[in-house]
Amino acid sequence: MQNFLTRLFLSDDHARLRFWGAITLFVLNCIIGSIPGARAEAAEYASGVVLHSCGYSGLAFLLFTGCQGVPAQRALKAVFGVAIMGAIDEFIQTFFPYRHGSVDDWLVDMAAAIIASTLMWALWSLRKRPAA
């Protein structure tokens, strides 16, 4: 089971799947978040900061592991990807009277992406280091 999970989440064999999975989850997040009352119901279980932090750090993980390049390039791609996704999400919210876009939410998205990408960068660098 561990080998299966390692291959699914960390191997280059499934990188494209993780990249497109991140895009799909982002689109679903935008659609579900646009349903009237859905965000208010989610707030009963977790605050906006928790939801944004978990969601966008997960997207950063998927983007990091789904992109090509050395760890530093992957981290930058993940952070820039989340920056764009978060901005799109907040922009979409401005079109709904029961939602509003927030720069603060976008900053939480960015902080989550930076932290997740930095951790992934450190772990990936250790993982890919050749044995001495």
N, C-alpha and C. Protein backbone atom coordinates (compact mmCIF):
# COMPACT_ATOMS: atom_id res chain seq x y z
N MET A 1 0.82 -1.20 0.00
CA MET A 1 0.00 0.00 0.00
C MET A 1 0.86 1.26 0.00
N GLN A 2 1.95 1.25 0.80
CA GLN A 2 2.82 2.42 0.87
C GLN A 2 3.48 2.66 -0.49
N ASN A 3 3.89 1.61 -1.17
CA ASN A 3 4.50 1.75 -2.48
C ASN A 3 3.51 2.36 -3.47
N PHE A 4 2.25 1.95 -3.41
CA PHE A 4 1.21 2.49 -4.28
C PHE A 4 1.04 3.98 -4.02
N LEU A 5 0.94 4.38 -2.75
CA LEU A 5 0.76 5.79 -2.41
C LEU A 5 1.98 6.62 -2.80
N THR A 6 3.16 6.06 -2.60
CA THR A 6 4.38 6.77 -2.99
C THR A 6 4.41 6.99 -4.50
N ARG A 7 4.07 5.97 -5.26
CA ARG A 7 4.03 6.12 -6.72
C ARG A 7 2.96 7.11 -7.15
N LEU A 8 1.80 7.05 -6.51
CA LEU A 8 0.70 7.93 -6.89
C LEU A 8 1.01 9.40 -6.59
N PHE A 9 1.57 9.67 -5.40
CA PHE A 9 1.76 11.06 -4.97
C PHE A 9 3.15 11.62 -5.21
N LEU A 10 4.14 10.79 -5.47
CA LEU A 10 5.50 11.32 -5.58
C LEU A 10 6.26 10.94 -6.84
N SER A 11 5.81 9.93 -7.55
CA SER A 11 6.59 9.49 -8.72
C SER A 11 6.30 10.38 -9.93
N ASP A 12 7.25 10.39 -10.83
CA ASP A 12 7.07 11.13 -12.07
C ASP A 12 6.05 10.45 -12.99
N ASP A 13 5.75 9.17 -12.72
CA ASP A 13 4.78 8.43 -13.53
C ASP A 13 3.41 9.10 -13.51
N HIS A 14 3.04 9.70 -12.38
CA HIS A 14 1.71 10.27 -12.22
C HIS A 14 1.74 11.79 -12.09
N ALA A 15 2.81 12.43 -12.52
CA ALA A 15 2.94 13.88 -12.39
C ALA A 15 1.84 14.61 -13.16
N ARG A 16 1.60 14.19 -14.37
CA ARG A 16 0.56 14.85 -15.18
C ARG A 16 -0.82 14.70 -14.53
N LEU A 17 -1.08 13.54 -13.95
CA LEU A 17 -2.35 13.31 -13.24
C LEU A 17 -2.50 14.29 -12.07
N ARG A 18 -1.42 14.50 -11.32
CA ARG A 18 -1.48 15.43 -10.18
C ARG A 18 -1.67 16.87 -10.66
N PHE A 19 -1.00 17.24 -11.74
CA PHE A 19 -1.16 18.60 -12.26
C PHE A 19 -2.61 18.85 -12.67
N TRP A 20 -3.16 17.96 -13.47
CA TRP A 20 -4.54 18.13 -13.93
C TRP A 20 -5.54 17.92 -12.79
N GLY A 21 -5.16 17.12 -11.81
CA GLY A 21 -5.99 16.99 -10.61
C GLY A 21 -6.10 18.30 -9.87
N ALA A 22 -5.00 19.04 -9.78
CA ALA A 22 -5.01 20.36 -9.14
C ALA A 22 -5.93 21.31 -9.89
N ILE A 23 -5.84 21.31 -11.21
CA ILE A 23 -6.70 22.18 -12.01
C ILE A 23 -8.16 21.81 -11.81
N THR A 24 -8.45 20.52 -11.83
CA THR A 24 -9.83 20.04 -11.64
C THR A 24 -10.37 20.41 -10.26
N LEU A 25 -9.56 20.21 -9.22
CA LEU A 25 -10.00 20.56 -7.86
C LEU A 25 -10.24 22.06 -7.73
N PHE A 26 -9.41 22.86 -8.38
CA PHE A 26 -9.61 24.31 -8.34
C PHE A 26 -10.93 24.70 -8.99
N VAL A 27 -11.21 24.13 -10.16
CA VAL A 27 -12.47 24.44 -10.85
C VAL A 27 -13.66 24.00 -10.00
N LEU A 28 -13.57 22.81 -9.41
CA LEU A 28 -14.65 22.34 -8.53
C LEU A 28 -14.82 23.26 -7.32
N ASN A 29 -13.72 23.73 -6.77
CA ASN A 29 -13.77 24.66 -5.64
C ASN A 29 -14.51 25.94 -6.03
N CYS A 30 -14.23 26.46 -7.21
CA CYS A 30 -14.90 27.67 -7.67
C CYS A 30 -16.39 27.43 -7.89
N ILE A 31 -16.73 26.28 -8.46
CA ILE A 31 -18.14 25.96 -8.72
C ILE A 31 -18.89 25.76 -7.41
N ILE A 32 -18.35 24.93 -6.53
CA ILE A 32 -19.03 24.65 -5.26
C ILE A 32 -19.11 25.90 -4.40
N GLY A 33 -18.05 26.70 -4.41
CA GLY A 33 -18.06 27.94 -3.63
C GLY A 33 -19.06 28.96 -4.14
N SER A 34 -19.52 28.79 -5.38
CA SER A 34 -20.48 29.73 -5.96
C SER A 34 -21.93 29.32 -5.71
N ILE A 35 -22.14 28.16 -5.12
CA ILE A 35 -23.49 27.72 -4.79
C ILE A 35 -23.98 28.53 -3.60
N PRO A 36 -25.16 29.13 -3.71
CA PRO A 36 -25.66 29.94 -2.60
C PRO A 36 -25.73 29.14 -1.30
N GLY A 37 -25.13 29.68 -0.25
CA GLY A 37 -25.17 29.06 1.07
C GLY A 37 -24.09 28.03 1.32
N ALA A 38 -23.38 27.58 0.28
CA ALA A 38 -22.38 26.53 0.46
C ALA A 38 -21.23 27.01 1.35
N ARG A 39 -20.77 28.22 1.13
CA ARG A 39 -19.66 28.75 1.93
C ARG A 39 -20.10 28.95 3.37
N ALA A 40 -21.32 29.40 3.58
CA ALA A 40 -21.83 29.61 4.94
C ALA A 40 -21.93 28.28 5.69
N GLU A 41 -22.33 27.23 4.99
CA GLU A 41 -22.42 25.92 5.63
C GLU A 41 -21.04 25.39 5.98
N ALA A 42 -20.07 25.62 5.11
CA ALA A 42 -18.69 25.16 5.38
C ALA A 42 -18.11 25.90 6.58
N ALA A 43 -18.53 27.14 6.78
CA ALA A 43 -18.02 27.94 7.90
C ALA A 43 -18.45 27.38 9.26
N GLU A 44 -19.46 26.53 9.27
CA GLU A 44 -19.88 25.89 10.52
C GLU A 44 -18.82 24.90 11.00
N TYR A 45 -18.00 24.39 10.09
CA TYR A 45 -17.01 23.38 10.43
C TYR A 45 -15.59 23.93 10.50
N ALA A 46 -15.30 24.95 9.71
CA ALA A 46 -13.95 25.51 9.68
C ALA A 46 -14.02 26.97 9.25
N SER A 47 -13.10 27.76 9.77
CA SER A 47 -13.05 29.18 9.40
C SER A 47 -12.52 29.32 7.98
N GLY A 48 -12.67 30.52 7.44
CA GLY A 48 -12.17 30.79 6.10
C GLY A 48 -10.67 30.62 6.01
N VAL A 49 -9.96 31.01 7.06
CA VAL A 49 -8.50 30.87 7.07
C VAL A 49 -8.11 29.40 6.98
N VAL A 50 -8.79 28.56 7.74
CA VAL A 50 -8.49 27.12 7.71
C VAL A 50 -8.82 26.53 6.34
N LEU A 51 -9.98 26.88 5.80
CA LEU A 51 -10.38 26.36 4.49
C LEU A 51 -9.40 26.78 3.41
N HIS A 52 -9.05 28.07 3.39
CA HIS A 52 -8.11 28.56 2.38
C HIS A 52 -6.73 27.93 2.56
N SER A 53 -6.27 27.84 3.80
CA SER A 53 -4.94 27.28 4.06
C SER A 53 -4.85 25.83 3.61
N CYS A 54 -5.82 25.04 4.00
CA CYS A 54 -5.80 23.61 3.63
C CYS A 54 -5.98 23.43 2.13
N GLY A 55 -6.93 24.13 1.56
CA GLY A 55 -7.21 23.97 0.14
C GLY A 55 -6.04 24.38 -0.74
N TYR A 56 -5.49 25.54 -0.47
CA TYR A 56 -4.43 26.03 -1.35
C TYR A 56 -3.08 25.40 -1.06
N SER A 57 -2.84 24.92 0.16
CA SER A 57 -1.60 24.17 0.39
C SER A 57 -1.70 22.81 -0.32
N GLY A 58 -2.89 22.23 -0.35
CA GLY A 58 -3.09 20.99 -1.12
C GLY A 58 -2.87 21.20 -2.61
N LEU A 59 -3.38 22.32 -3.13
CA LEU A 59 -3.15 22.63 -4.54
C LEU A 59 -1.67 22.86 -4.80
N ALA A 60 -0.98 23.52 -3.88
CA ALA A 60 0.46 23.75 -4.04
C ALA A 60 1.21 22.42 -4.07
N PHE A 61 0.81 21.49 -3.21
CA PHE A 61 1.44 20.15 -3.22
C PHE A 61 1.24 19.47 -4.57
N LEU A 62 0.01 19.48 -5.05
CA LEU A 62 -0.27 18.83 -6.34
C LEU A 62 0.47 19.50 -7.48
N LEU A 63 0.54 20.83 -7.46
CA LEU A 63 1.28 21.53 -8.51
C LEU A 63 2.77 21.25 -8.41
N PHE A 64 3.32 21.28 -7.19
CA PHE A 64 4.74 21.01 -7.01
C PHE A 64 5.10 19.63 -7.53
N THR A 65 4.34 18.63 -7.13
CA THR A 65 4.65 17.26 -7.54
C THR A 65 4.21 16.96 -8.96
N GLY A 66 3.37 17.83 -9.52
CA GLY A 66 2.90 17.61 -10.88
C GLY A 66 3.68 18.36 -11.94
N CYS A 67 4.62 19.21 -11.52
CA CYS A 67 5.44 19.98 -12.47
C CYS A 67 6.79 19.32 -12.67
N GLN A 68 7.48 19.75 -13.71
CA GLN A 68 8.82 19.27 -14.02
C GLN A 68 9.84 20.28 -13.51
N GLY A 69 11.07 19.84 -13.35
CA GLY A 69 12.16 20.73 -13.00
C GLY A 69 12.80 20.38 -11.67
N VAL A 70 13.82 21.15 -11.34
CA VAL A 70 14.49 20.97 -10.05
C VAL A 70 13.57 21.51 -8.97
N PRO A 71 13.79 21.16 -7.71
CA PRO A 71 12.88 21.58 -6.63
C PRO A 71 12.60 23.08 -6.58
N ALA A 72 13.60 23.91 -6.82
CA ALA A 72 13.38 25.36 -6.78
C ALA A 72 12.39 25.79 -7.87
N GLN A 73 12.53 25.22 -9.06
CA GLN A 73 11.61 25.55 -10.15
C GLN A 73 10.20 25.07 -9.84
N ARG A 74 10.10 23.88 -9.28
CA ARG A 74 8.79 23.33 -8.91
C ARG A 74 8.11 24.22 -7.88
N ALA A 75 8.88 24.67 -6.89
CA ALA A 75 8.32 25.52 -5.84
C ALA A 75 7.81 26.83 -6.42
N LEU A 76 8.60 27.45 -7.30
CA LEU A 76 8.16 28.70 -7.93
C LEU A 76 6.91 28.49 -8.77
N LYS A 77 6.88 27.41 -9.52
CA LYS A 77 5.70 27.12 -10.34
C LYS A 77 4.47 26.92 -9.47
N ALA A 78 4.63 26.22 -8.35
CA ALA A 78 3.49 25.98 -7.45
C ALA A 78 3.00 27.29 -6.84
N VAL A 79 3.92 28.14 -6.39
CA VAL A 79 3.51 29.42 -5.78
C VAL A 79 2.84 30.32 -6.82
N PHE A 80 3.43 30.42 -8.01
CA PHE A 80 2.81 31.25 -9.05
C PHE A 80 1.47 30.67 -9.50
N GLY A 81 1.37 29.35 -9.56
CA GLY A 81 0.10 28.72 -9.92
C GLY A 81 -0.98 29.04 -8.90
N VAL A 82 -0.63 28.94 -7.63
CA VAL A 82 -1.60 29.27 -6.58
C VAL A 82 -1.93 30.75 -6.60
N ALA A 83 -0.97 31.60 -6.88
CA ALA A 83 -1.23 33.04 -6.96
C ALA A 83 -2.29 33.33 -8.02
N ILE A 84 -2.15 32.69 -9.17
CA ILE A 84 -3.12 32.89 -10.25
C ILE A 84 -4.47 32.29 -9.88
N MET A 85 -4.46 31.06 -9.36
CA MET A 85 -5.72 30.41 -8.98
C MET A 85 -6.45 31.20 -7.89
N GLY A 86 -5.72 31.64 -6.88
CA GLY A 86 -6.34 32.41 -5.80
C GLY A 86 -6.94 33.71 -6.30
N ALA A 87 -6.22 34.39 -7.22
CA ALA A 87 -6.73 35.64 -7.78
C ALA A 87 -7.99 35.39 -8.60
N ILE A 88 -7.99 34.32 -9.38
CA ILE A 88 -9.18 33.97 -10.17
C ILE A 88 -10.36 33.67 -9.24
N ASP A 89 -10.10 32.90 -8.19
CA ASP A 89 -11.15 32.55 -7.23
C ASP A 89 -11.75 33.81 -6.61
N GLU A 90 -10.91 34.71 -6.15
CA GLU A 90 -11.41 35.95 -5.53
C GLU A 90 -12.13 36.82 -6.55
N PHE A 91 -11.66 36.85 -7.79
CA PHE A 91 -12.31 37.63 -8.84
C PHE A 91 -13.70 37.08 -9.13
N ILE A 92 -13.81 35.76 -9.23
CA ILE A 92 -15.10 35.13 -9.50
C ILE A 92 -16.10 35.47 -8.40
N GLN A 93 -15.63 35.53 -7.17
CA GLN A 93 -16.53 35.82 -6.05
C GLN A 93 -17.17 37.21 -6.15
N THR A 94 -16.52 38.13 -6.86
CA THR A 94 -17.08 39.49 -6.97
C THR A 94 -18.35 39.53 -7.82
N PHE A 95 -18.62 38.47 -8.57
CA PHE A 95 -19.80 38.44 -9.43
C PHE A 95 -21.05 37.95 -8.70
N PHE A 96 -20.91 37.50 -7.47
CA PHE A 96 -22.04 36.95 -6.73
C PHE A 96 -22.40 37.88 -5.56
N PRO A 97 -23.68 38.22 -5.43
CA PRO A 97 -24.07 39.16 -4.37
C PRO A 97 -23.87 38.60 -2.96
N TYR A 98 -23.86 37.31 -2.81
CA TYR A 98 -23.71 36.69 -1.49
C TYR A 98 -22.26 36.33 -1.19
N ARG A 99 -21.33 36.68 -2.06
CA ARG A 99 -19.88 36.46 -1.85
C ARG A 99 -19.15 37.77 -2.10
N HIS A 100 -17.93 37.83 -1.70
CA HIS A 100 -17.10 38.99 -2.01
C HIS A 100 -15.64 38.56 -2.10
N GLY A 101 -14.95 39.13 -3.05
CA GLY A 101 -13.53 38.86 -3.19
C GLY A 101 -12.76 39.58 -2.09
N SER A 102 -11.68 38.97 -1.65
CA SER A 102 -10.92 39.55 -0.55
C SER A 102 -9.43 39.38 -0.79
N VAL A 103 -8.71 40.49 -0.69
CA VAL A 103 -7.26 40.42 -0.80
C VAL A 103 -6.69 39.63 0.37
N ASP A 104 -7.33 39.74 1.53
CA ASP A 104 -6.86 38.98 2.70
C ASP A 104 -6.92 37.47 2.44
N ASP A 105 -8.00 37.00 1.80
CA ASP A 105 -8.09 35.58 1.46
C ASP A 105 -6.97 35.18 0.50
N TRP A 106 -6.69 36.04 -0.48
CA TRP A 106 -5.64 35.77 -1.43
C TRP A 106 -4.28 35.70 -0.72
N LEU A 107 -4.07 36.57 0.26
CA LEU A 107 -2.81 36.54 1.02
C LEU A 107 -2.68 35.25 1.83
N VAL A 108 -3.79 34.75 2.35
CA VAL A 108 -3.77 33.47 3.06
C VAL A 108 -3.42 32.35 2.07
N ASP A 109 -4.01 32.41 0.88
CA ASP A 109 -3.69 31.42 -0.17
C ASP A 109 -2.20 31.44 -0.47
N MET A 110 -1.65 32.63 -0.60
CA MET A 110 -0.22 32.77 -0.92
C MET A 110 0.66 32.25 0.21
N ALA A 111 0.29 32.59 1.45
CA ALA A 111 1.08 32.11 2.59
C ALA A 111 1.07 30.58 2.64
N ALA A 112 -0.10 29.99 2.42
CA ALA A 112 -0.21 28.53 2.42
C ALA A 112 0.66 27.93 1.31
N ALA A 113 0.64 28.53 0.13
CA ALA A 113 1.42 28.02 -0.99
C ALA A 113 2.92 28.15 -0.72
N ILE A 114 3.32 29.26 -0.15
CA ILE A 114 4.75 29.47 0.14
C ILE A 114 5.24 28.47 1.17
N ILE A 115 4.46 28.28 2.23
CA ILE A 115 4.85 27.32 3.28
C ILE A 115 4.89 25.90 2.72
N ALA A 116 3.83 25.50 2.02
CA ALA A 116 3.77 24.14 1.47
C ALA A 116 4.89 23.92 0.45
N SER A 117 5.13 24.88 -0.41
CA SER A 117 6.16 24.72 -1.43
C SER A 117 7.56 24.69 -0.82
N THR A 118 7.78 25.48 0.21
CA THR A 118 9.08 25.46 0.89
C THR A 118 9.31 24.10 1.55
N LEU A 119 8.29 23.58 2.20
CA LEU A 119 8.43 22.25 2.81
C LEU A 119 8.66 21.18 1.75
N MET A 120 7.91 21.24 0.66
CA MET A 120 8.08 20.27 -0.41
C MET A 120 9.47 20.40 -1.04
N TRP A 121 9.95 21.61 -1.20
CA TRP A 121 11.28 21.85 -1.75
C TRP A 121 12.34 21.17 -0.89
N ALA A 122 12.22 21.38 0.43
CA ALA A 122 13.19 20.77 1.35
C ALA A 122 13.11 19.24 1.32
N LEU A 123 11.90 18.72 1.38
CA LEU A 123 11.72 17.26 1.38
C LEU A 123 12.11 16.64 0.05
N TRP A 124 11.75 17.29 -1.04
CA TRP A 124 12.06 16.76 -2.37
C TRP A 124 13.57 16.77 -2.60
N SER A 125 14.23 17.81 -2.10
CA SER A 125 15.69 17.88 -2.25
C SER A 125 16.36 16.74 -1.50
N LEU A 126 15.86 16.41 -0.32
CA LEU A 126 16.40 15.30 0.44
C LEU A 126 16.12 13.97 -0.27
N ARG A 127 14.91 13.83 -0.78
CA ARG A 127 14.49 12.59 -1.43
C ARG A 127 15.29 12.32 -2.69
N LYS A 128 15.57 13.33 -3.46
CA LYS A 128 16.23 13.16 -4.76
C LYS A 128 17.76 13.15 -4.64
N ARG A 129 18.29 13.38 -3.43
CA ARG A 129 19.74 13.41 -3.25
C ARG A 129 20.30 12.00 -3.45
N PRO A 130 21.34 11.85 -4.26
CA PRO A 130 21.93 10.53 -4.45
C PRO A 130 22.57 10.01 -3.17
N ALA A 131 22.52 8.72 -2.99
CA ALA A 131 23.11 8.11 -1.81
C ALA A 131 24.62 8.24 -1.86
N ALA A 132 25.20 8.54 -0.69
CA ALA A 132 26.66 8.74 -0.63
C ALA A 132 27.37 7.43 -0.40
